[in-house]
Amino acid sequence: MKKNIFYIAILLLISNYSFAQRGGSSSTPPSFTAIEQQSDYLDSLVNNWYIKRSINNTNYDVQLIPDFLMEETTDSLYMARLKTIASPIQLSYNEKVRSWINLYLKKNRRTPYLLGLSDYYFPIFEEILDYHQIPLEFKYLPIIESALNPRARSRAGAVGLWQFMYSTGKMYGLEVNSYVDERSDPLKASHAAARFLKDMYKIYGDWTLVLAAYNCGAGNVNKAIRRSGGSRDYWEIYPYLPKETRGYVPAFMGALYVVNFYEEHNIVPQRVDMNVFTDTVMITEKLHLKQVSEKLNIPYEQLIELNPQYKKFIIPGNYKPYPLRLPVKEIGNFIASASEIYTYKDSLYLSSNDLYIKPPVYNKSSYKSYSHSSSSSNYAPPTTAGKVKLVYSVKQGDTYGFISSWYNVRISDIKYWNNTYSNRLSISQKLNVWVPKSKVNYYKRINAMSFASKQALKGKVTSSSSSSNVASTTKPNDKKFIWYKVRKGDSLWTIAQKYNGISDGDIKKINNFTSRDIQRLRAGQYIKIKRKG
């Protein structure tokens, strides 16, 4: 019971913090209503490249029967139609719902394109909602949030199809930095939204209240429940909700109605060819979308629409691998020409966005912190005479300490060769390492070896006999040290307690651990313990 109460308290804290800025009267200027914002989103649909192309290809704009010629739809007919939709969400009808239905019907030159976009996005939403066991009707939520525009940005700063605020997105695992904003990534943002909806349902057990909480946060919903005398019925707490949220559930029901009954109002969806069949390739170097566009002859605007998460149209693959979404037919072309694409006009498209600073002329004192030994003042840059350059690709769990021992070089040497002062390593990062010509074949195989096999080389890299492979559970064969296999929950301090006269500082020093290495300590990893006596 205590565990459940704690869990709910954490969810409330997250919701209050992340949505205090997002919706309701606190985030939107009083003069700017939800209907006006949705109207703006609908009008902005024509800026979508696919829709522009659809308009150009058909050479006509969508024309509908004028309102005065259309048959009047009665309230009873609206109600009857809504009742035919089987849904775990309680669907209601009143004048608020009707006002939202009318918005979509009167924006008749935009709604057909909205319906066309839904052919691309709804299958994505449905698959993800089904995976998280969320009612599929929540696929309509991005219609009222963003009019299915993954690059939509509200006046309050909410971004993407699902309109995540910065803090909410970060809490649900979405990456946001100067180059990437995964709030605009249709797949990742949809998973984050589904997890949030599930968390809110654990609090309320009512999907209509979940809708309200999505807009204004659980804190505001809880206040409305208290002020209503404890009612958990949306329409009874309605007067106590923030002004913007009062229209949110009716907006959802209005969108749900129109998408299900547009034919009854003589609306014909406009086909939007968004290359439904797409796939991704992982980018491991910095790449501008224009390089891909020009080299593969893919429209630049199309690439932007398919990859809306890249804020500057640059994929920072040099930081870590990122996906590039392409039409399926172009995947093979990209793979075949990848090396050419990475270098195509790179000085033109990347230099203007990235400031390249030449490393300073070597100063002995600037490398003191890199040295392994206490005699750091005697450090001198490593020579490459009689050596051959190899490239090592960083794997999960690697540290500078490990890599330096595998190649029998100093950490400071590796950093010098790669022009870096940072202790940070990224998976798939490429590191230049210089090794003796006489042993190049020996060292060349290290890049493809397992972690355990590489660890077996520690202290024995001068002899080719040390190349025997070992299983991941086999500790390195070096009797100078005690080799400790890290267990789940271990820290350097708890490990040090197992050995008399050994401190966590001793372990850190002998293993050449940085603070980041200590944070990434993992079960199954072998570390050295200095033998006493």
Protein backbone atom coordinates (compact mmCIF):
# COMPACT_ATOMS: atom_id res chain seq x y z
CA MET A 1 0.00 0.00 0.00
CA LYS A 2 2.79 2.43 0.93
CA LYS A 3 4.54 1.63 -2.34
CA ASN A 4 1.41 2.53 -4.33
CA ILE A 5 0.96 5.80 -2.44
CA PHE A 6 4.60 6.70 -3.10
CA TYR A 7 4.22 5.87 -6.80
CA ILE A 8 1.13 8.05 -7.13
CA ALA A 9 2.86 10.90 -5.30
CA ILE A 10 5.77 10.74 -7.75
CA LEU A 11 3.39 10.81 -10.72
CA LEU A 12 1.58 13.82 -9.29
CA LEU A 13 4.86 15.61 -8.72
CA ILE A 14 5.97 14.94 -12.29
CA SER A 15 2.64 16.02 -13.71
CA ASN A 16 2.44 19.21 -11.65
CA TYR A 17 6.00 20.18 -12.53
CA SER A 18 5.86 19.38 -16.20
CA PHE A 19 2.44 20.79 -17.01
CA ALA A 20 2.48 23.88 -14.80
CA GLN A 21 3.79 25.67 -17.89
CA ARG A 22 2.05 23.67 -20.59
CA GLY A 23 -1.66 24.19 -20.83
CA GLY A 24 -4.47 26.04 -19.19
CA SER A 25 -4.55 29.70 -18.35
CA SER A 26 -1.00 29.69 -17.03
CA SER A 27 0.58 29.08 -20.42
CA THR A 28 -1.65 30.73 -23.00
CA PRO A 29 -2.42 34.45 -23.20
CA PRO A 30 -6.03 35.07 -22.05
CA SER A 31 -6.90 36.64 -25.41
CA PHE A 32 -5.74 33.58 -27.34
CA THR A 33 -8.27 30.76 -27.15
CA ALA A 34 -7.80 27.07 -27.91
CA ILE A 35 -10.15 27.38 -30.88
CA GLU A 36 -8.05 30.22 -32.32
CA GLN A 37 -4.86 28.21 -31.89
CA GLN A 38 -6.41 25.15 -33.53
CA SER A 39 -7.65 27.36 -36.36
CA ASP A 40 -4.11 28.65 -36.86
CA TYR A 41 -2.75 25.09 -36.90
CA LEU A 42 -5.31 24.11 -39.54
CA ASP A 43 -4.39 27.11 -41.68
CA SER A 44 -0.69 26.22 -41.38
CA LEU A 45 -1.33 22.83 -43.00
CA VAL A 46 -0.76 24.35 -46.44
CA ASN A 47 2.90 24.92 -45.49
CA ASN A 48 3.47 21.16 -45.41
CA TRP A 49 5.57 20.20 -48.44
CA TYR A 50 3.46 17.13 -49.20
CA ILE A 51 0.29 19.20 -49.16
CA LYS A 52 1.84 21.89 -51.39
CA ARG A 53 2.79 19.15 -53.84
CA SER A 54 -0.72 17.68 -53.68
CA ILE A 55 -2.24 21.05 -54.50
CA ASN A 56 0.17 21.57 -57.41
CA ASN A 57 -0.43 18.09 -58.79
CA THR A 58 -4.24 18.39 -58.75
CA ASN A 59 -4.28 22.02 -59.91
CA TYR A 60 -7.36 22.76 -57.88
CA ASP A 61 -8.26 23.52 -54.33
CA VAL A 62 -10.73 21.38 -52.44
CA GLN A 63 -14.26 22.68 -52.99
CA LEU A 64 -17.16 21.65 -50.80
CA ILE A 65 -20.87 22.21 -50.87
CA PRO A 66 -21.53 25.67 -49.37
CA ASP A 67 -22.96 25.69 -45.87
CA PHE A 68 -26.30 27.17 -46.96
CA LEU A 69 -26.85 24.26 -49.37
CA MET A 70 -25.99 21.58 -46.85
CA GLU A 71 -28.67 19.76 -44.93
CA GLU A 72 -28.95 20.91 -41.31
CA THR A 73 -27.55 18.36 -38.87
CA THR A 74 -29.61 18.19 -35.69
CA ASP A 75 -28.28 17.68 -32.20
CA SER A 76 -30.09 14.37 -31.97
CA LEU A 77 -28.33 13.17 -35.13
CA TYR A 78 -24.93 14.17 -33.74
CA MET A 79 -25.72 12.28 -30.54
CA ALA A 80 -26.92 9.20 -32.39
CA ARG A 81 -23.76 9.07 -34.48
CA LEU A 82 -21.45 9.42 -31.47
CA LYS A 83 -23.27 6.55 -29.76
CA THR A 84 -22.33 4.23 -32.62
CA ILE A 85 -18.61 4.59 -31.79
CA ALA A 86 -17.48 1.80 -29.48
CA SER A 87 -14.94 3.32 -27.12
CA PRO A 88 -13.81 3.00 -23.46
CA ILE A 89 -13.74 6.81 -23.43
CA GLN A 90 -17.09 8.24 -22.37
CA LEU A 91 -18.30 10.24 -25.39
CA SER A 92 -20.64 13.13 -24.67
CA TYR A 93 -22.42 15.73 -26.75
CA ASN A 94 -23.37 19.30 -25.88
CA GLU A 95 -23.02 22.81 -27.29
CA LYS A 96 -19.27 22.81 -26.48
CA VAL A 97 -18.70 19.66 -28.53
CA ARG A 98 -20.80 21.06 -31.36
CA SER A 99 -18.72 24.26 -31.52
CA TRP A 100 -15.62 22.14 -32.16
CA ILE A 101 -17.37 20.01 -34.76
CA ASN A 102 -18.34 23.21 -36.54
CA LEU A 103 -14.74 24.41 -36.49
CA TYR A 104 -13.56 21.38 -38.46
CA LEU A 105 -16.55 21.50 -40.80
CA LYS A 106 -16.20 25.23 -41.51
CA LYS A 107 -12.47 24.92 -42.08
CA ASN A 108 -13.53 22.79 -45.01
CA ARG A 109 -10.57 23.72 -47.22
CA ARG A 110 -8.12 22.40 -44.61
CA THR A 111 -9.90 19.39 -43.14
CA PRO A 112 -9.52 17.20 -46.28
CA TYR A 113 -5.74 17.58 -46.01
CA LEU A 114 -5.90 16.81 -42.30
CA LEU A 115 -7.72 13.59 -43.19
CA GLY A 116 -5.11 12.86 -45.85
CA LEU A 117 -2.26 13.23 -43.34
CA SER A 118 -4.08 10.87 -40.98
CA ASP A 119 -3.53 8.04 -43.48
CA TYR A 120 0.20 8.35 -42.76
CA TYR A 121 0.19 9.11 -39.03
CA PHE A 122 -2.74 7.06 -37.68
CA PRO A 123 -1.16 3.63 -38.35
CA ILE A 124 1.93 4.82 -36.45
CA PHE A 125 -0.15 6.02 -33.50
CA GLU A 126 -2.36 2.92 -33.44
CA GLU A 127 0.57 0.49 -33.33
CA ILE A 128 2.23 2.38 -30.46
CA LEU A 129 -1.00 2.88 -28.49
CA ASP A 130 -1.84 -0.80 -28.87
CA TYR A 131 1.66 -1.74 -27.67
CA HIS A 132 1.13 0.31 -24.49
CA GLN A 133 -2.49 -0.92 -24.15
CA ILE A 134 -3.97 2.56 -24.52
CA PRO A 135 -7.39 3.08 -26.22
CA LEU A 136 -6.80 3.58 -29.93
CA GLU A 137 -9.09 6.63 -29.90
CA PHE A 138 -6.18 8.61 -28.48
CA LYS A 139 -4.81 8.67 -32.03
CA TYR A 140 -7.08 11.70 -32.47
CA LEU A 141 -5.24 13.62 -29.76
CA PRO A 142 -2.50 14.98 -32.09
CA ILE A 143 -5.23 16.49 -34.26
CA ILE A 144 -6.25 18.90 -31.53
CA GLU A 145 -2.69 19.26 -30.22
CA SER A 146 -0.92 20.08 -33.48
CA ALA A 147 -3.17 19.44 -36.51
CA LEU A 148 -0.76 16.56 -37.28
CA ASN A 149 2.20 18.90 -37.69
CA PRO A 150 5.33 17.34 -36.09
CA ARG A 151 7.08 20.74 -36.10
CA ALA A 152 4.21 22.64 -34.49
CA ARG A 153 5.25 24.93 -31.64
CA SER A 154 2.73 26.57 -29.34
CA ARG A 155 3.06 30.04 -27.86
CA ALA A 156 3.80 28.35 -24.53
CA GLY A 157 6.75 26.41 -26.02
CA ALA A 158 5.12 22.99 -26.45
CA VAL A 159 6.54 21.14 -29.47
CA GLY A 160 5.61 18.34 -31.83
CA LEU A 161 2.63 16.21 -32.73
CA TRP A 162 1.85 15.61 -29.05
CA GLN A 163 2.90 19.12 -27.89
CA PHE A 164 5.37 18.21 -25.15
CA MET A 165 6.84 20.94 -23.00
CA TYR A 166 10.62 20.74 -22.55
CA SER A 167 10.50 19.39 -18.99
CA THR A 168 7.83 16.79 -19.75
CA GLY A 169 9.71 15.56 -22.79
CA LYS A 170 12.93 15.16 -20.80
CA MET A 171 11.12 13.29 -18.02
CA TYR A 172 9.76 10.82 -20.54
CA GLY A 173 13.12 10.19 -22.17
CA LEU A 174 12.99 12.54 -25.17
CA GLU A 175 16.33 14.05 -26.15
CA VAL A 176 16.39 17.80 -26.63
CA ASN A 177 19.61 19.61 -27.50
CA SER A 178 20.88 22.22 -29.95
CA TYR A 179 20.65 19.81 -32.91
CA VAL A 180 17.97 17.29 -31.97
CA ASP A 181 14.46 17.67 -30.58
CA GLU A 182 12.82 14.26 -30.23
CA ARG A 183 9.55 15.93 -29.26
CA SER A 184 9.19 16.30 -33.05
CA ASP A 185 10.05 12.65 -33.72
CA PRO A 186 6.69 10.97 -34.51
CA LEU A 187 7.75 7.56 -33.17
CA LYS A 188 9.61 8.52 -30.00
CA ALA A 189 7.15 11.26 -29.05
CA SER A 190 4.24 8.84 -29.52
CA HIS A 191 5.84 6.31 -27.17
CA ALA A 192 6.43 9.07 -24.61
CA ALA A 193 2.82 10.27 -24.90
CA ALA A 194 1.50 6.72 -24.45
CA ARG A 195 3.59 6.27 -21.30
CA PHE A 196 2.30 9.54 -19.91
CA LEU A 197 -1.32 8.62 -20.66
CA LYS A 198 -0.83 5.26 -18.93
CA ASP A 199 0.66 6.99 -15.88
CA MET A 200 -2.32 9.34 -15.65
CA TYR A 201 -4.74 6.42 -15.94
CA LYS A 202 -3.06 4.79 -12.94
CA ILE A 203 -4.04 7.88 -10.96
CA TYR A 204 -7.62 8.41 -12.17
CA GLY A 205 -8.89 5.19 -13.75
CA ASP A 206 -10.98 7.37 -16.08
CA TRP A 207 -9.90 8.19 -19.64
CA THR A 208 -11.83 11.46 -19.79
CA LEU A 209 -9.96 12.76 -16.75
CA VAL A 210 -6.75 11.50 -18.37
CA LEU A 211 -7.52 13.76 -21.33
CA ALA A 212 -7.96 16.72 -19.01
CA ALA A 213 -4.73 15.90 -17.15
CA TYR A 214 -2.86 15.68 -20.45
CA ASN A 215 -3.76 19.30 -21.08
CA CYS A 216 -3.40 20.96 -17.70
CA GLY A 217 -1.69 18.44 -15.45
CA ALA A 218 -2.87 16.21 -12.63
CA GLY A 219 -2.47 19.03 -10.10
CA ASN A 220 -5.14 21.17 -11.76
CA VAL A 221 -7.45 18.18 -12.20
CA ASN A 222 -7.07 17.32 -8.50
CA LYS A 223 -7.93 20.90 -7.53
CA ALA A 224 -11.05 20.73 -9.69
CA ILE A 225 -12.06 17.44 -8.06
CA ARG A 226 -11.66 18.94 -4.58
CA ARG A 227 -13.57 22.13 -5.47
CA SER A 228 -16.42 20.08 -6.95
CA GLY A 229 -16.84 18.24 -3.66
CA GLY A 230 -14.95 15.12 -4.69
CA SER A 231 -16.68 14.30 -7.96
CA ARG A 232 -14.63 12.37 -10.52
CA ASP A 233 -17.00 13.07 -13.41
CA TYR A 234 -15.45 15.35 -16.02
CA TRP A 235 -18.58 17.40 -16.66
CA GLU A 236 -19.14 17.97 -12.94
CA ILE A 237 -15.59 19.24 -12.39
CA TYR A 238 -15.73 21.16 -15.70
CA PRO A 239 -16.45 24.62 -14.16
CA TYR A 240 -13.43 24.28 -11.84
CA LEU A 241 -10.89 23.41 -14.53
CA PRO A 242 -8.60 26.02 -16.16
CA LYS A 243 -10.35 27.84 -18.97
CA GLU A 244 -8.30 26.26 -21.74
CA THR A 245 -8.87 22.74 -20.42
CA ARG A 246 -12.63 23.16 -20.39
CA GLY A 247 -12.54 23.12 -24.16
CA TYR A 248 -10.00 20.35 -24.45
CA VAL A 249 -12.22 17.28 -24.03
CA PRO A 250 -14.94 18.81 -26.27
CA ALA A 251 -12.21 19.49 -28.87
CA PHE A 252 -11.17 15.83 -28.71
CA MET A 253 -14.74 14.66 -29.17
CA GLY A 254 -15.26 17.11 -32.04
CA ALA A 255 -12.18 15.78 -33.85
CA LEU A 256 -13.28 12.20 -33.19
CA TYR A 257 -16.71 12.93 -34.68
CA VAL A 258 -15.42 14.61 -37.85
CA VAL A 259 -12.82 11.91 -38.62
CA ASN A 260 -15.50 9.23 -38.27
CA PHE A 261 -18.38 11.03 -40.05
CA TYR A 262 -16.77 13.36 -42.61
CA GLU A 263 -18.57 11.57 -45.47
CA GLU A 264 -21.94 12.55 -44.02
CA HIS A 265 -20.82 16.17 -44.43
CA ASN A 266 -19.62 15.75 -48.02
CA ILE A 267 -15.96 16.09 -47.11
CA VAL A 268 -13.60 14.17 -49.38
CA PRO A 269 -10.11 13.42 -47.94
CA GLN A 270 -7.32 14.85 -50.06
CA ARG A 271 -4.71 12.18 -50.75
CA VAL A 272 -1.32 13.24 -49.39
CA ASP A 273 1.46 11.04 -50.77
CA MET A 274 3.81 10.86 -47.77
CA ASN A 275 5.71 7.76 -48.87
CA VAL A 276 3.99 5.50 -46.38
CA PHE A 277 6.72 2.93 -46.89
CA THR A 278 9.82 4.32 -45.21
CA ASP A 279 12.76 2.90 -43.29
CA THR A 280 15.75 4.23 -41.39
CA VAL A 281 19.52 4.02 -41.62
CA MET A 282 21.82 4.90 -38.72
CA ILE A 283 24.06 7.91 -39.26
CA THR A 284 27.47 7.73 -37.57
CA GLU A 285 29.01 10.98 -38.81
CA LYS A 286 27.80 14.56 -38.94
CA LEU A 287 25.54 14.94 -41.95
CA HIS A 288 23.40 17.71 -43.43
CA LEU A 289 20.09 16.76 -45.04
CA LYS A 290 21.11 18.77 -48.11
CA GLN A 291 24.03 16.41 -48.66
CA VAL A 292 21.58 13.52 -48.85
CA SER A 293 19.10 15.49 -50.92
CA GLU A 294 21.55 16.56 -53.60
CA LYS A 295 23.53 13.33 -53.78
CA LEU A 296 20.48 11.03 -53.97
CA ASN A 297 18.23 13.50 -55.79
CA ILE A 298 15.57 13.47 -53.06
CA PRO A 299 13.59 16.71 -52.55
CA TYR A 300 15.09 18.57 -49.60
CA GLU A 301 11.66 19.54 -48.23
CA GLN A 302 10.65 15.88 -48.26
CA LEU A 303 13.64 14.92 -46.13
CA ILE A 304 12.75 17.67 -43.66
CA GLU A 305 9.18 16.38 -43.39
CA LEU A 306 10.39 12.80 -42.83
CA ASN A 307 13.01 13.88 -40.25
CA PRO A 308 11.42 16.75 -38.31
CA GLN A 309 13.49 16.12 -35.15
CA TYR A 310 16.65 17.70 -36.60
CA LYS A 311 16.39 21.38 -35.68
CA LYS A 312 19.21 22.66 -37.91
CA PHE A 313 18.70 19.98 -40.57
CA ILE A 314 21.97 18.45 -39.37
CA ILE A 315 22.24 14.92 -37.97
CA PRO A 316 25.01 14.96 -35.30
CA GLY A 317 26.10 11.38 -35.92
CA ASN A 318 29.60 12.18 -34.69
CA TYR A 319 28.13 12.50 -31.19
CA LYS A 320 26.25 9.20 -31.33
CA PRO A 321 24.32 7.23 -33.99
CA TYR A 322 21.03 8.84 -35.05
CA PRO A 323 18.38 7.58 -37.49
CA LEU A 324 17.74 9.04 -40.93
CA ARG A 325 14.29 8.21 -42.31
CA LEU A 326 14.12 7.71 -46.07
CA PRO A 327 11.66 6.26 -48.59
CA VAL A 328 12.29 2.50 -48.71
CA LYS A 329 13.44 2.66 -52.33
CA GLU A 330 16.29 5.02 -51.35
CA ILE A 331 17.72 2.92 -48.50
CA GLY A 332 19.90 0.78 -50.78
CA ASN A 333 21.13 3.84 -52.66
CA PHE A 334 22.18 5.51 -49.43
CA ILE A 335 24.04 2.45 -48.14
CA ALA A 336 25.86 2.04 -51.46
CA SER A 337 26.93 5.71 -51.54
CA ALA A 338 27.30 6.45 -47.82
CA SER A 339 31.00 7.31 -47.88
CA GLU A 340 30.48 9.69 -50.81
CA ILE A 341 27.45 11.31 -49.18
CA TYR A 342 29.30 12.03 -45.92
CA THR A 343 32.03 13.92 -47.77
CA TYR A 344 29.82 15.57 -50.42
CA LYS A 345 30.09 19.37 -49.99
CA ASP A 346 30.79 18.85 -46.30
CA SER A 347 32.86 22.03 -46.11
CA LEU A 348 29.92 23.97 -47.56
CA TYR A 349 27.04 22.56 -45.54
CA LEU A 350 28.77 21.82 -42.24
CA SER A 351 31.43 24.49 -41.80
CA SER A 352 28.90 27.32 -41.74
CA ASN A 353 27.09 25.65 -38.86
CA ASP A 354 30.07 24.35 -36.90
CA LEU A 355 32.90 26.49 -35.63
CA TYR A 356 36.17 24.63 -36.13
CA ILE A 357 38.82 25.73 -33.66
CA LYS A 358 42.39 24.67 -34.37
CA PRO A 359 44.02 23.02 -31.32
CA PRO A 360 46.59 25.26 -29.64
CA VAL A 361 50.31 24.75 -30.13
CA TYR A 362 51.52 22.08 -27.72
CA ASN A 363 52.24 23.34 -24.24
CA LYS A 364 53.67 20.76 -21.87
CA SER A 365 51.70 22.08 -18.90
CA SER A 366 48.37 21.72 -20.70
CA TYR A 367 48.77 17.92 -20.74
CA LYS A 368 49.68 17.43 -17.09
CA SER A 369 46.23 16.16 -16.18
CA TYR A 370 46.50 13.43 -18.82
CA SER A 371 49.50 11.61 -17.37
CA HIS A 372 49.11 8.31 -15.55
CA SER A 373 52.10 8.79 -13.31
CA SER A 374 52.96 11.27 -10.61
CA SER A 375 55.73 12.63 -12.81
CA SER A 376 53.25 14.48 -15.05
CA SER A 377 55.56 17.45 -15.40
CA ASN A 378 57.84 15.28 -17.54
CA TYR A 379 55.11 14.51 -20.05
CA ALA A 380 56.02 14.97 -23.72
CA PRO A 381 53.87 14.42 -26.82
CA PRO A 382 54.06 10.89 -28.21
CA THR A 383 56.06 10.33 -31.36
CA THR A 384 54.58 8.59 -34.41
CA ALA A 385 57.97 7.67 -35.89
CA GLY A 386 58.08 3.99 -36.82
CA LYS A 387 54.37 3.63 -36.01
CA VAL A 388 51.17 2.97 -37.93
CA LYS A 389 47.79 4.58 -37.25
CA LEU A 390 44.87 2.30 -36.39
CA VAL A 391 41.27 3.33 -35.77
CA TYR A 392 39.41 1.93 -32.77
CA SER A 393 35.60 2.10 -32.58
CA VAL A 394 34.36 2.67 -29.03
CA LYS A 395 32.03 -0.01 -27.62
CA GLN A 396 29.66 -0.02 -24.69
CA GLY A 397 31.56 -0.16 -21.40
CA ASP A 398 34.85 1.11 -22.87
CA THR A 399 36.92 3.66 -20.98
CA TYR A 400 40.14 5.47 -21.78
CA GLY A 401 41.80 3.33 -19.12
CA PHE A 402 40.80 0.10 -20.81
CA ILE A 403 41.72 1.28 -24.31
CA SER A 404 45.12 2.57 -23.19
CA SER A 405 45.97 -0.80 -21.60
CA TRP A 406 44.84 -2.79 -24.65
CA TYR A 407 47.14 -0.77 -26.95
CA ASN A 408 49.89 -0.30 -24.34
CA VAL A 409 49.79 3.51 -24.62
CA ARG A 410 49.01 6.30 -22.21
CA ILE A 411 45.58 7.90 -21.88
CA SER A 412 47.29 11.22 -22.54
CA ASP A 413 48.66 9.85 -25.82
CA ILE A 414 45.20 8.83 -27.04
CA LYS A 415 43.78 12.25 -26.17
CA TYR A 416 46.71 13.99 -27.85
CA TRP A 417 46.26 11.98 -31.07
CA ASN A 418 42.53 12.76 -31.12
CA ASN A 419 42.77 16.46 -30.14
CA THR A 420 40.51 16.14 -27.12
CA TYR A 421 40.62 17.14 -23.49
CA SER A 422 37.34 15.38 -22.66
CA ASN A 423 37.04 12.22 -20.56
CA ARG A 424 33.80 11.38 -22.31
CA LEU A 425 33.46 8.57 -24.85
CA SER A 426 30.48 7.81 -27.09
CA ILE A 427 29.51 4.44 -28.53
CA SER A 428 30.80 4.13 -32.14
CA GLN A 429 33.16 7.08 -31.63
CA LYS A 430 36.35 6.63 -33.70
CA LEU A 431 39.73 6.98 -31.93
CA ASN A 432 43.11 7.16 -33.68
CA VAL A 433 45.77 5.00 -32.02
CA TRP A 434 49.42 4.72 -33.19
CA VAL A 435 51.14 1.34 -32.74
CA PRO A 436 54.59 -0.03 -33.68
CA LYS A 437 54.85 -1.21 -37.30
CA SER A 438 56.27 -4.53 -36.10
CA LYS A 439 53.10 -5.28 -34.13
CA VAL A 440 50.45 -3.74 -36.39
CA ASN A 441 48.82 -7.12 -37.18
CA TYR A 442 48.66 -7.92 -33.48
CA TYR A 443 46.98 -4.65 -32.53
CA LYS A 444 44.75 -4.49 -35.60
CA ARG A 445 42.54 -7.33 -34.32
CA ILE A 446 41.79 -5.61 -31.00
CA ASN A 447 38.96 -3.57 -32.51
CA ALA A 448 36.97 -6.73 -33.33
CA MET A 449 37.65 -8.61 -30.07
CA SER A 450 35.14 -9.10 -27.25
CA PHE A 451 35.52 -7.11 -24.06
CA ALA A 452 36.65 -10.17 -22.10
CA SER A 453 39.24 -11.06 -24.73
CA LYS A 454 40.64 -7.54 -24.70
CA GLN A 455 40.76 -7.55 -20.91
CA ALA A 456 42.85 -10.72 -21.07
CA LEU A 457 45.55 -8.70 -22.84
CA LYS A 458 46.06 -6.36 -19.89
CA GLY A 459 49.69 -6.30 -18.82
CA LYS A 460 50.66 -8.74 -21.62
CA VAL A 461 50.38 -6.73 -24.85
CA THR A 462 54.12 -7.05 -25.55
CA SER A 463 53.75 -10.74 -26.20
CA SER A 464 51.74 -12.28 -28.97
CA SER A 465 51.10 -15.29 -26.76
CA SER A 466 48.57 -13.24 -24.85
CA SER A 467 46.07 -13.38 -27.66
CA SER A 468 44.09 -16.39 -26.46
CA ASN A 469 40.38 -15.73 -26.28
CA VAL A 470 38.58 -16.12 -22.99
CA ALA A 471 34.92 -16.24 -22.06
CA SER A 472 33.32 -13.16 -20.52
CA THR A 473 33.29 -14.91 -17.14
CA THR A 474 37.04 -15.60 -17.23
CA LYS A 475 39.20 -13.13 -15.37
CA PRO A 476 42.46 -11.82 -16.91
CA ASN A 477 45.48 -13.98 -16.17
CA ASP A 478 47.72 -11.47 -14.41
CA LYS A 479 49.01 -12.51 -10.98
CA LYS A 480 50.29 -9.06 -10.13
CA PHE A 481 46.76 -8.07 -9.17
CA ILE A 482 43.62 -9.43 -7.58
CA TRP A 483 40.92 -9.38 -10.27
CA TYR A 484 37.46 -8.60 -8.92
CA LYS A 485 34.33 -9.28 -10.97
CA VAL A 486 31.82 -6.48 -10.41
CA ARG A 487 28.42 -7.55 -9.11
CA LYS A 488 25.08 -5.81 -9.46
CA GLY A 489 24.84 -2.95 -6.95
CA ASP A 490 28.60 -2.70 -6.41
CA SER A 491 30.40 0.63 -6.04
CA LEU A 492 34.10 1.29 -5.57
CA TRP A 493 33.45 1.97 -1.89
CA THR A 494 31.61 -1.33 -1.28
CA ILE A 495 34.31 -3.23 -3.22
CA ALA A 496 37.08 -1.57 -1.19
CA GLN A 497 35.42 -2.76 2.04
CA LYS A 498 36.12 -6.36 0.99
CA TYR A 499 39.91 -5.82 1.07
CA ASN A 500 41.95 -4.68 4.09
CA GLY A 501 44.04 -1.58 3.53
CA ILE A 502 42.39 -0.76 0.18
CA SER A 503 40.38 2.41 -0.38
CA ASP A 504 38.04 3.36 -3.20
CA GLY A 505 40.65 5.95 -4.19
CA ASP A 506 43.25 3.19 -4.58
CA ILE A 507 40.93 1.26 -6.91
CA LYS A 508 40.18 4.39 -8.93
CA LYS A 509 43.87 5.18 -9.33
CA ILE A 510 45.14 1.73 -10.27
CA ASN A 511 42.36 1.29 -12.88
CA ASN A 512 42.83 4.81 -14.26
CA PHE A 513 39.13 5.45 -13.74
CA THR A 514 37.58 8.84 -14.46
CA SER A 515 34.40 9.95 -12.69
CA ARG A 516 32.43 8.87 -15.76
CA ASP A 517 34.07 5.42 -15.68
CA ILE A 518 32.92 5.00 -12.09
CA GLN A 519 29.34 5.96 -13.02
CA ARG A 520 29.38 3.37 -15.84
CA LEU A 521 30.63 0.51 -13.67
CA ARG A 522 28.74 -2.58 -14.79
CA ALA A 523 28.09 -6.09 -13.54
CA GLY A 524 30.49 -8.64 -15.03
CA GLN A 525 33.29 -6.12 -15.51
CA TYR A 526 36.71 -7.07 -14.09
CA ILE A 527 38.71 -4.45 -12.17
CA LYS A 528 42.20 -4.57 -10.66
CA ILE A 529 42.83 -4.63 -6.91
CA LYS A 530 46.41 -4.07 -5.77
CA ARG A 531 47.85 -6.99 -3.81
CA LYS A 532 49.16 -6.07 -0.35
CA GLY A 533 52.51 -7.41 0.89
